[in-house]
Amino acid sequence: MDKELSADIVAKRKHKNIFIILTCGAVVVLGVLLLRSYLKSTVTKAEIITATVETGNIENTINASGEVLPEFEEILTSPINASIKSALMDAGNKVNSGQSILTLDKSVSQAEFEKLRFQLESKQNEISKSKLDLNKSFFDIKSNNDIKQLHISNLTDAVENAKRLFKAGGGTREGIEQAELNLKVAQLEKKQLENEIKSKQQTMQIEIKEAEIAADIQRNDLKALQRKLNLANIVATRNGVITYVNKNIGANIKEGETLARIADLSSFKVAGSVADNAIDELHAGTPIIVRINDAQLRGHVTNVSPSVQNGIVSFDIQLDDRNNKLLRPNMKVDVYLVTATRTKIMRVANGAAFKGPSVQDIFVVHNNKAERRTVHIGLANFDYVELLDGVKPGDVVITSDMSAYKNSPELTIDN
């Protein structure tokens, strides 16, 4: 049977429960206060970078790289197999059109030229001799044909005489037949000779034509070699600056090997390259921004390489300001492909605070406080980020990295 508790014991237990509840409540309140104190952080002005939201234009860009090259560069190659005799210019020298850059030893090619010229003269003599021989043969055959014609005339007269003699009773039928047979044989021989003359004429024309073609080929080879020998005097064909010259005196040079380069440094272009995952955005006419230090030069893509090498696509850029004083040969530059443009939008200077997602939390500064806000990001480039909402023009935004305060709804800014 249960024993009823006394009133004192019940009161003590009640007081104990109330104490526990009050203690837990105090701990919770203290925790909330401590959490609020933790979340309400403080940051100094020296730790942050700010920018003002403004209205303007923005271009979405894709990062690429480029190299500045002379827009016009002439490559001088060796027209013959030769050796370098002397170098008259160094790389970096200015050169005028017609000025000699280096000389080649042309003795081997000169000997080949003399050999070809002798062969051509021999061929021409052979043609003349063939024409004389063929003309003589043709004249001999024609003379024989004329003799045959006279012989036929005599045989024709013999046939007529045999017939008259037969009518007069002084001849025989056999005599007439023999005279007619001799005439037919002579006529056939003349016809055969005429065919031989015709064949000989055709043969003459073919043989002479073949000889003339062979001579023309040798003549063209001789002219080509003469032109190469003239070009072997390596001279500048335009005003410019020498960017390369082969100064290996005595070195054997093969035909087509580069001897010098001359660049016109009054205008430049840019050879660009970008990862192949951007190939859909790359085509002739795509606007381009080239950044040199803090300066920006505008241009557009002129052509795109059809091949992809090691995941890289190459393309050429024509600059609007091709003779800008900042441009230098072989300078490495940052290139940005402009894929989209928007006008009259809210934008702010790009910074480490913007990580890439379309929805981000940023801090907007007012007086000495920084309030966290959620904004939607639009287009972005190296300079600016488009803010679609959450702010208004004139707001001051912290653009430095604020990931350490991602749980803080508000910051206090100390001087």
Protein backbone atom coordinates (compact mmCIF):
# COMPACT_ATOMS: atom_id res chain seq x y z
CA MET A 1 0.00 0.00 0.00
CA ASP A 2 1.47 3.39 -1.13
CA LYS A 3 2.36 5.92 1.53
CA GLU A 4 1.22 9.50 0.97
CA LEU A 5 4.13 12.00 0.72
CA SER A 6 4.30 14.81 3.13
CA ALA A 7 3.61 18.40 2.05
CA ASP A 8 7.23 19.43 2.71
CA ILE A 9 8.61 16.82 0.33
CA VAL A 10 6.13 17.79 -2.41
CA ALA A 11 7.02 21.48 -2.00
CA LYS A 12 10.76 20.76 -2.21
CA ARG A 13 10.33 18.77 -5.44
CA LYS A 14 8.21 21.52 -6.93
CA HIS A 15 10.83 24.16 -6.08
CA LYS A 16 13.55 21.94 -7.56
CA ASN A 17 11.66 21.55 -10.89
CA ILE A 18 11.05 25.28 -11.09
CA PHE A 19 14.79 25.92 -10.50
CA ILE A 20 15.74 23.51 -13.28
CA ILE A 21 13.31 25.13 -15.72
CA LEU A 22 14.55 28.64 -14.88
CA THR A 23 18.17 27.52 -15.22
CA CYS A 24 17.54 25.96 -18.64
CA GLY A 25 15.71 29.10 -19.75
CA ALA A 26 18.62 31.26 -18.66
CA VAL A 27 21.06 29.07 -20.53
CA VAL A 28 18.97 29.30 -23.69
CA VAL A 29 18.67 33.09 -23.40
CA LEU A 30 22.40 33.37 -22.77
CA GLY A 31 23.10 31.14 -25.80
CA VAL A 32 20.89 33.28 -28.01
CA LEU A 33 22.63 36.42 -26.80
CA LEU A 34 26.04 34.87 -27.37
CA LEU A 35 25.00 33.67 -30.88
CA ARG A 36 23.70 37.11 -31.78
CA SER A 37 26.88 38.59 -30.46
CA TYR A 38 28.86 36.10 -32.62
CA LEU A 39 26.84 36.74 -35.78
CA LYS A 40 26.99 40.49 -35.35
CA SER A 41 30.66 40.71 -36.38
CA THR A 42 32.92 43.68 -36.83
CA VAL A 43 35.21 44.50 -39.78
CA THR A 44 37.57 47.43 -40.40
CA LYS A 45 37.56 49.67 -43.48
CA ALA A 46 41.12 48.60 -44.27
CA GLU A 47 39.97 44.99 -44.65
CA ILE A 48 37.34 45.62 -47.31
CA ILE A 49 37.08 47.01 -50.83
CA THR A 50 33.89 48.77 -51.84
CA ALA A 51 32.35 49.94 -55.12
CA THR A 52 29.27 51.96 -55.98
CA VAL A 53 26.40 50.48 -57.99
CA GLU A 54 25.93 52.50 -61.18
CA THR A 55 23.91 52.44 -64.37
CA GLY A 56 25.82 51.63 -67.53
CA ASN A 57 26.62 49.03 -70.19
CA ILE A 58 28.21 45.63 -69.77
CA GLU A 59 29.75 43.03 -72.09
CA ASN A 60 29.92 39.35 -71.31
CA THR A 61 33.39 38.06 -72.15
CA ILE A 62 35.36 34.81 -72.39
CA ASN A 63 39.00 34.86 -71.36
CA ALA A 64 41.60 34.07 -74.02
CA SER A 65 45.25 34.89 -74.64
CA GLY A 66 47.13 36.50 -77.48
CA GLU A 67 50.46 37.56 -78.92
CA VAL A 68 51.11 40.84 -80.73
CA LEU A 69 52.62 40.35 -84.20
CA PRO A 70 53.49 42.75 -87.02
CA GLU A 71 50.53 42.96 -89.38
CA PHE A 72 52.86 42.67 -92.36
CA GLU A 73 56.01 40.55 -92.14
CA GLU A 74 58.00 39.48 -95.16
CA ILE A 75 59.98 36.24 -95.03
CA LEU A 76 63.01 36.16 -97.30
CA THR A 77 64.00 32.61 -98.26
CA SER A 78 66.90 31.21 -100.22
CA PRO A 79 65.94 30.70 -103.88
CA ILE A 80 68.82 28.27 -104.46
CA ASN A 81 71.01 25.76 -102.66
CA ALA A 82 73.93 27.86 -101.53
CA SER A 83 76.04 28.93 -98.57
CA ILE A 84 75.99 32.20 -96.65
CA LYS A 85 78.86 34.39 -97.76
CA SER A 86 78.29 37.47 -95.60
CA ALA A 87 75.63 39.14 -93.45
CA LEU A 88 75.29 42.89 -93.89
CA MET A 89 72.48 43.58 -91.40
CA ASP A 90 71.59 42.61 -87.84
CA ALA A 91 68.19 41.94 -86.30
CA GLY A 92 66.67 45.20 -85.11
CA ASN A 93 68.17 47.30 -87.90
CA LYS A 94 65.89 49.48 -89.98
CA VAL A 95 66.08 48.69 -93.67
CA ASN A 96 64.91 50.45 -96.82
CA SER A 97 63.53 48.85 -99.97
CA GLY A 98 66.35 47.65 -102.22
CA GLN A 99 68.93 47.57 -99.44
CA SER A 100 71.10 44.43 -99.31
CA ILE A 101 70.78 42.23 -96.21
CA LEU A 102 73.15 39.32 -96.90
CA THR A 103 74.98 37.69 -99.79
CA LEU A 104 75.13 34.06 -100.84
CA ASP A 105 77.82 32.00 -102.54
CA LYS A 106 76.18 31.28 -105.93
CA SER A 107 79.08 29.45 -107.60
CA VAL A 108 77.37 26.04 -107.72
CA SER A 109 74.13 27.45 -109.16
CA GLN A 110 76.10 29.64 -111.57
CA ALA A 111 77.89 26.54 -112.90
CA GLU A 112 74.52 24.82 -113.32
CA PHE A 113 73.26 27.88 -115.21
CA GLU A 114 76.21 27.73 -117.64
CA LYS A 115 75.60 24.02 -118.15
CA LEU A 116 71.94 24.59 -119.00
CA ARG A 117 72.82 27.40 -121.37
CA PHE A 118 75.30 25.13 -123.22
CA GLN A 119 72.67 22.38 -123.43
CA LEU A 120 70.15 24.84 -124.84
CA GLU A 121 72.58 26.00 -127.50
CA SER A 122 73.30 22.36 -128.41
CA LYS A 123 69.57 21.66 -128.67
CA GLN A 124 69.06 24.68 -130.91
CA ASN A 125 71.89 23.49 -133.16
CA GLU A 126 70.31 20.03 -133.28
CA ILE A 127 67.01 21.59 -134.37
CA SER A 128 68.71 23.55 -137.13
CA LYS A 129 70.57 20.43 -138.31
CA SER A 130 67.36 18.37 -138.23
CA LYS A 131 65.54 20.98 -140.28
CA LEU A 132 68.36 20.91 -142.87
CA ASP A 133 68.43 17.10 -142.99
CA LEU A 134 64.68 16.81 -143.24
CA ASN A 135 64.46 19.50 -145.86
CA LYS A 136 67.15 17.73 -147.90
CA SER A 137 65.29 14.42 -147.59
CA PHE A 138 62.06 16.07 -148.58
CA PHE A 139 63.77 17.76 -151.57
CA ASP A 140 65.27 14.42 -152.68
CA ILE A 141 61.89 12.69 -152.50
CA LYS A 142 60.21 15.58 -154.33
CA SER A 143 62.88 15.42 -157.05
CA ASN A 144 62.31 11.68 -157.44
CA ASN A 145 58.60 12.36 -157.69
CA ASP A 146 59.21 14.88 -160.49
CA ILE A 147 61.39 12.31 -162.29
CA LYS A 148 58.59 9.75 -161.89
CA GLN A 149 56.17 12.24 -163.40
CA LEU A 150 58.44 12.68 -166.42
CA HIS A 151 58.79 8.91 -166.72
CA ILE A 152 54.97 8.54 -166.66
CA SER A 153 54.67 11.15 -169.37
CA ASN A 154 57.12 9.19 -171.52
CA LEU A 155 55.25 5.91 -170.87
CA THR A 156 51.95 7.60 -171.77
CA ASP A 157 53.46 8.66 -175.06
CA ALA A 158 54.79 5.12 -175.57
CA VAL A 159 51.27 3.70 -175.13
CA GLU A 160 49.89 6.15 -177.68
CA ASN A 161 52.69 5.32 -180.12
CA ALA A 162 52.10 1.58 -179.70
CA LYS A 163 48.39 2.06 -180.42
CA ARG A 164 49.09 4.16 -183.58
CA LEU A 165 51.67 1.66 -184.76
CA PHE A 166 49.19 -1.17 -184.20
CA LYS A 167 46.57 0.64 -186.28
CA ALA A 168 49.11 1.21 -189.02
CA GLY A 169 49.80 -2.52 -189.05
CA GLY A 170 53.35 -2.23 -187.80
CA GLY A 171 52.76 -3.23 -184.20
CA THR A 172 51.22 -5.98 -182.09
CA ARG A 173 48.62 -6.26 -179.36
CA GLU A 174 51.31 -7.48 -176.96
CA GLY A 175 53.30 -4.31 -177.54
CA ILE A 176 50.29 -2.18 -176.53
CA GLU A 177 49.64 -4.27 -173.40
CA GLN A 178 53.30 -4.08 -172.37
CA ALA A 179 53.32 -0.29 -172.79
CA GLU A 180 50.09 0.04 -170.73
CA LEU A 181 51.54 -2.25 -167.99
CA ASN A 182 54.69 -0.16 -167.78
CA LEU A 183 52.53 2.98 -167.45
CA LYS A 184 50.42 1.49 -164.62
CA VAL A 185 53.55 0.38 -162.73
CA ALA A 186 55.01 3.87 -163.05
CA GLN A 187 51.74 5.47 -161.87
CA LEU A 188 51.63 3.18 -158.82
CA GLU A 189 55.24 3.97 -158.03
CA LYS A 190 54.43 7.70 -158.25
CA LYS A 191 51.43 7.29 -155.93
CA GLN A 192 53.60 5.40 -153.47
CA LEU A 193 56.18 8.18 -153.65
CA GLU A 194 53.47 10.83 -153.05
CA ASN A 195 52.32 8.96 -149.92
CA GLU A 196 55.92 8.81 -148.78
CA ILE A 197 56.24 12.56 -149.33
CA LYS A 198 53.09 13.21 -147.24
CA SER A 199 54.32 10.91 -144.46
CA LYS A 200 57.71 12.56 -144.56
CA GLN A 201 56.13 15.99 -144.21
CA GLN A 202 54.18 14.88 -141.13
CA THR A 203 57.27 13.25 -139.65
CA MET A 204 59.24 16.43 -140.25
CA GLN A 205 56.65 18.55 -138.46
CA ILE A 206 56.45 16.16 -135.47
CA GLU A 207 60.21 15.83 -135.06
CA ILE A 208 60.80 19.54 -135.31
CA LYS A 209 57.91 20.24 -132.88
CA GLU A 210 59.31 17.79 -130.34
CA ALA A 211 62.73 19.34 -130.62
CA GLU A 212 61.29 22.84 -130.20
CA ILE A 213 59.27 21.77 -127.13
CA ALA A 214 62.41 20.27 -125.57
CA ALA A 215 64.27 23.49 -126.33
CA ASP A 216 61.44 25.59 -124.81
CA ILE A 217 61.59 23.49 -121.62
CA GLN A 218 65.34 24.02 -121.38
CA ARG A 219 64.86 27.73 -122.11
CA ASN A 220 62.28 28.03 -119.29
CA ASP A 221 64.58 26.16 -116.91
CA LEU A 222 67.35 28.55 -117.84
CA LYS A 223 65.13 31.59 -117.25
CA ALA A 224 63.95 30.18 -113.89
CA LEU A 225 67.51 29.60 -112.77
CA GLN A 226 68.49 33.08 -113.96
CA ARG A 227 65.62 34.54 -111.92
CA LYS A 228 66.72 32.54 -108.86
CA LEU A 229 70.28 33.77 -109.29
CA ASN A 230 68.99 37.33 -109.39
CA LEU A 231 66.93 36.74 -106.26
CA ALA A 232 69.96 35.27 -104.55
CA ASN A 233 71.02 38.84 -103.96
CA ILE A 234 69.02 39.05 -100.70
CA VAL A 235 67.64 42.59 -100.59
CA ALA A 236 64.68 44.18 -98.83
CA THR A 237 61.59 44.66 -100.96
CA ARG A 238 59.96 47.13 -98.54
CA ASN A 239 60.85 49.52 -95.76
CA GLY A 240 60.75 47.98 -92.30
CA VAL A 241 62.72 46.52 -89.42
CA ILE A 242 64.70 43.28 -89.59
CA THR A 243 63.33 40.90 -86.96
CA TYR A 244 65.56 37.94 -87.90
CA VAL A 245 68.64 37.30 -90.02
CA ASN A 246 70.66 34.10 -90.44
CA LYS A 247 74.25 35.07 -89.67
CA ASN A 248 75.82 31.60 -89.82
CA ILE A 249 78.57 32.49 -92.27
CA GLY A 250 79.53 29.51 -94.41
CA ALA A 251 76.48 27.48 -93.47
CA ASN A 252 74.91 25.48 -96.29
CA ILE A 253 71.41 26.70 -97.05
CA LYS A 254 68.78 24.66 -98.85
CA GLU A 255 66.36 26.16 -101.33
CA GLY A 256 63.35 27.59 -99.46
CA GLU A 257 65.13 27.96 -96.11
CA THR A 258 64.45 31.20 -94.21
CA LEU A 259 67.25 33.77 -94.37
CA ALA A 260 65.65 36.90 -92.94
CA ARG A 261 62.37 38.46 -91.83
CA ILE A 262 61.37 42.08 -92.35
CA ALA A 263 58.46 43.51 -90.38
CA ASP A 264 56.48 46.68 -90.91
CA LEU A 265 56.20 47.96 -87.32
CA SER A 266 53.76 50.71 -88.26
CA SER A 267 50.80 48.35 -87.74
CA PHE A 268 50.14 45.21 -85.70
CA LYS A 269 47.71 42.35 -85.34
CA VAL A 270 47.10 39.83 -82.54
CA ALA A 271 47.28 36.04 -82.81
CA GLY A 272 44.79 34.71 -80.26
CA SER A 273 44.12 31.31 -78.71
CA VAL A 274 41.27 30.01 -76.57
CA ALA A 275 40.08 26.69 -75.12
CA ASP A 276 38.07 24.65 -77.60
CA ASN A 277 35.00 24.67 -75.33
CA ALA A 278 34.47 28.27 -76.48
CA ILE A 279 34.54 27.40 -80.18
CA ASP A 280 30.78 27.93 -80.56
CA GLU A 281 31.25 31.59 -79.56
CA LEU A 282 34.19 32.10 -81.91
CA HIS A 283 33.64 33.17 -85.52
CA ALA A 284 34.75 35.85 -87.96
CA GLY A 285 33.49 39.23 -86.80
CA THR A 286 33.33 38.40 -83.07
CA PRO A 287 34.15 41.61 -81.12
CA ILE A 288 37.40 41.45 -79.18
CA ILE A 289 38.92 43.38 -76.27
CA VAL A 290 42.71 43.30 -75.93
CA ARG A 291 44.03 44.45 -72.56
CA ILE A 292 47.53 45.88 -72.27
CA ASN A 293 48.21 46.85 -68.65
CA ASP A 294 45.24 49.12 -67.84
CA ALA A 295 44.53 50.04 -71.46
CA GLN A 296 41.94 48.35 -73.66
CA LEU A 297 42.11 48.04 -77.44
CA ARG A 298 39.12 47.02 -79.52
CA GLY A 299 39.08 44.76 -82.55
CA HIS A 300 37.39 41.76 -84.14
CA VAL A 301 38.17 38.21 -85.24
CA THR A 302 39.19 38.00 -88.90
CA ASN A 303 39.58 34.23 -89.26
CA VAL A 304 39.51 31.09 -87.13
CA SER A 305 41.81 28.10 -87.58
CA PRO A 306 39.76 25.04 -88.63
CA SER A 307 41.95 22.68 -86.56
CA VAL A 308 42.14 22.15 -82.80
CA GLN A 309 45.53 21.36 -81.27
CA ASN A 310 45.85 20.17 -77.68
CA GLY A 311 42.42 21.56 -76.87
CA ILE A 312 43.33 25.04 -78.16
CA VAL A 313 41.76 26.97 -81.05
CA SER A 314 43.79 29.69 -82.79
CA PHE A 315 42.38 32.81 -84.40
CA ASP A 316 43.54 36.16 -85.82
CA ILE A 317 42.48 39.58 -84.53
CA GLN A 318 42.42 42.84 -86.46
CA LEU A 319 42.70 45.83 -84.14
CA ASP A 320 40.84 49.08 -84.66
CA ASP A 321 43.94 50.99 -83.54
CA ARG A 322 46.65 48.99 -85.30
CA ASN A 323 49.48 51.46 -84.64
CA ASN A 324 48.87 52.06 -80.94
CA LYS A 325 52.10 53.05 -79.20
CA LEU A 326 51.62 50.33 -76.55
CA LEU A 327 51.93 47.54 -79.13
CA ARG A 328 55.25 45.69 -79.31
CA PRO A 329 56.23 42.63 -81.39
CA ASN A 330 55.81 39.27 -79.57
CA MET A 331 54.10 40.96 -76.59
CA LYS A 332 51.79 38.63 -74.62
CA VAL A 333 48.36 40.18 -73.99
CA ASP A 334 45.05 39.26 -72.38
CA VAL A 335 42.24 38.78 -74.88
CA TYR A 336 38.49 38.77 -74.18
CA LEU A 337 35.85 37.50 -76.57
CA VAL A 338 32.70 39.61 -76.33
CA THR A 339 29.74 37.22 -76.49
CA ALA A 340 26.88 39.49 -75.36
CA THR A 341 26.20 43.17 -74.60
CA ARG A 342 23.54 44.85 -72.45
CA THR A 343 22.88 48.57 -72.02
CA LYS A 344 21.45 50.68 -69.19
CA ILE A 345 21.79 48.03 -66.52
CA MET A 346 22.93 48.12 -62.88
CA ARG A 347 26.58 47.20 -62.62
CA VAL A 348 29.34 47.24 -60.04
CA ALA A 349 33.09 46.74 -60.24
CA ASN A 350 34.04 43.05 -60.32
CA GLY A 351 35.84 41.63 -57.31
CA ALA A 352 36.51 38.56 -55.18
CA ALA A 353 33.05 38.79 -53.61
CA PHE A 354 31.48 37.50 -56.82
CA LYS A 355 32.13 33.77 -57.09
CA GLY A 356 30.19 32.88 -60.22
CA PRO A 357 26.72 31.50 -59.26
CA SER A 358 23.71 33.39 -60.53
CA VAL A 359 22.37 33.85 -56.95
CA GLN A 360 24.80 35.27 -54.37
CA ASP A 361 24.88 37.00 -51.01
CA ILE A 362 26.67 40.34 -50.88
CA PHE A 363 27.05 43.10 -48.28
CA VAL A 364 25.61 46.58 -48.90
CA VAL A 365 27.17 49.39 -46.85
CA HIS A 366 25.07 52.08 -45.17
CA ASN A 367 26.72 54.45 -42.71
CA ASN A 368 28.92 52.19 -40.56
CA LYS A 369 26.90 49.04 -41.13
CA ALA A 370 27.06 46.35 -43.83
CA GLU A 371 23.85 44.46 -44.46
CA ARG A 372 23.84 41.07 -46.18
CA ARG A 373 21.52 40.84 -49.20
CA THR A 374 20.73 38.19 -51.77
CA VAL A 375 21.11 39.34 -55.38
CA HIS A 376 20.85 37.78 -58.83
CA ILE A 377 23.89 38.09 -61.10
CA GLY A 378 23.61 38.76 -64.86
CA LEU A 379 26.48 39.24 -67.27
CA ALA A 380 30.05 39.57 -66.01
CA ASN A 381 33.45 40.47 -67.36
CA PHE A 382 36.89 41.42 -66.09
CA ASP A 383 35.73 44.89 -65.01
CA TYR A 384 32.05 44.69 -64.09
CA VAL A 385 29.28 42.45 -62.78
CA GLU A 386 25.62 42.99 -63.63
CA LEU A 387 23.26 43.07 -60.63
CA LEU A 388 19.67 42.25 -61.56
CA ASP A 389 18.00 42.99 -58.22
CA GLY A 390 18.56 43.50 -54.48
CA VAL A 391 20.30 46.86 -54.92
CA LYS A 392 19.75 50.24 -56.54
CA PRO A 393 22.08 52.71 -58.23
CA GLY A 394 24.13 54.58 -55.65
CA ASP A 395 24.34 51.67 -53.18
CA VAL A 396 27.85 50.87 -51.95
CA VAL A 397 28.75 47.19 -52.19
CA ILE A 398 31.66 45.32 -50.61
CA THR A 399 33.50 43.66 -53.53
CA SER A 400 36.31 41.96 -51.57
CA ASP A 401 36.09 38.34 -50.39
CA MET A 402 33.53 38.11 -47.57
CA SER A 403 33.29 34.32 -47.27
CA ALA A 404 34.50 34.53 -43.63
CA TYR A 405 31.28 36.39 -42.76
CA LYS A 406 28.83 34.24 -44.70
CA ASN A 407 26.76 33.53 -41.55
CA SER A 408 26.60 37.17 -40.43
CA PRO A 409 23.42 39.05 -41.38
CA GLU A 410 25.05 42.36 -40.51
CA LEU A 411 28.53 43.75 -39.99
CA THR A 412 29.80 46.74 -38.06
CA ILE A 413 32.47 48.70 -39.91
CA ASP A 414 35.14 50.27 -37.72
CA ASN A 415 37.60 52.89 -38.80
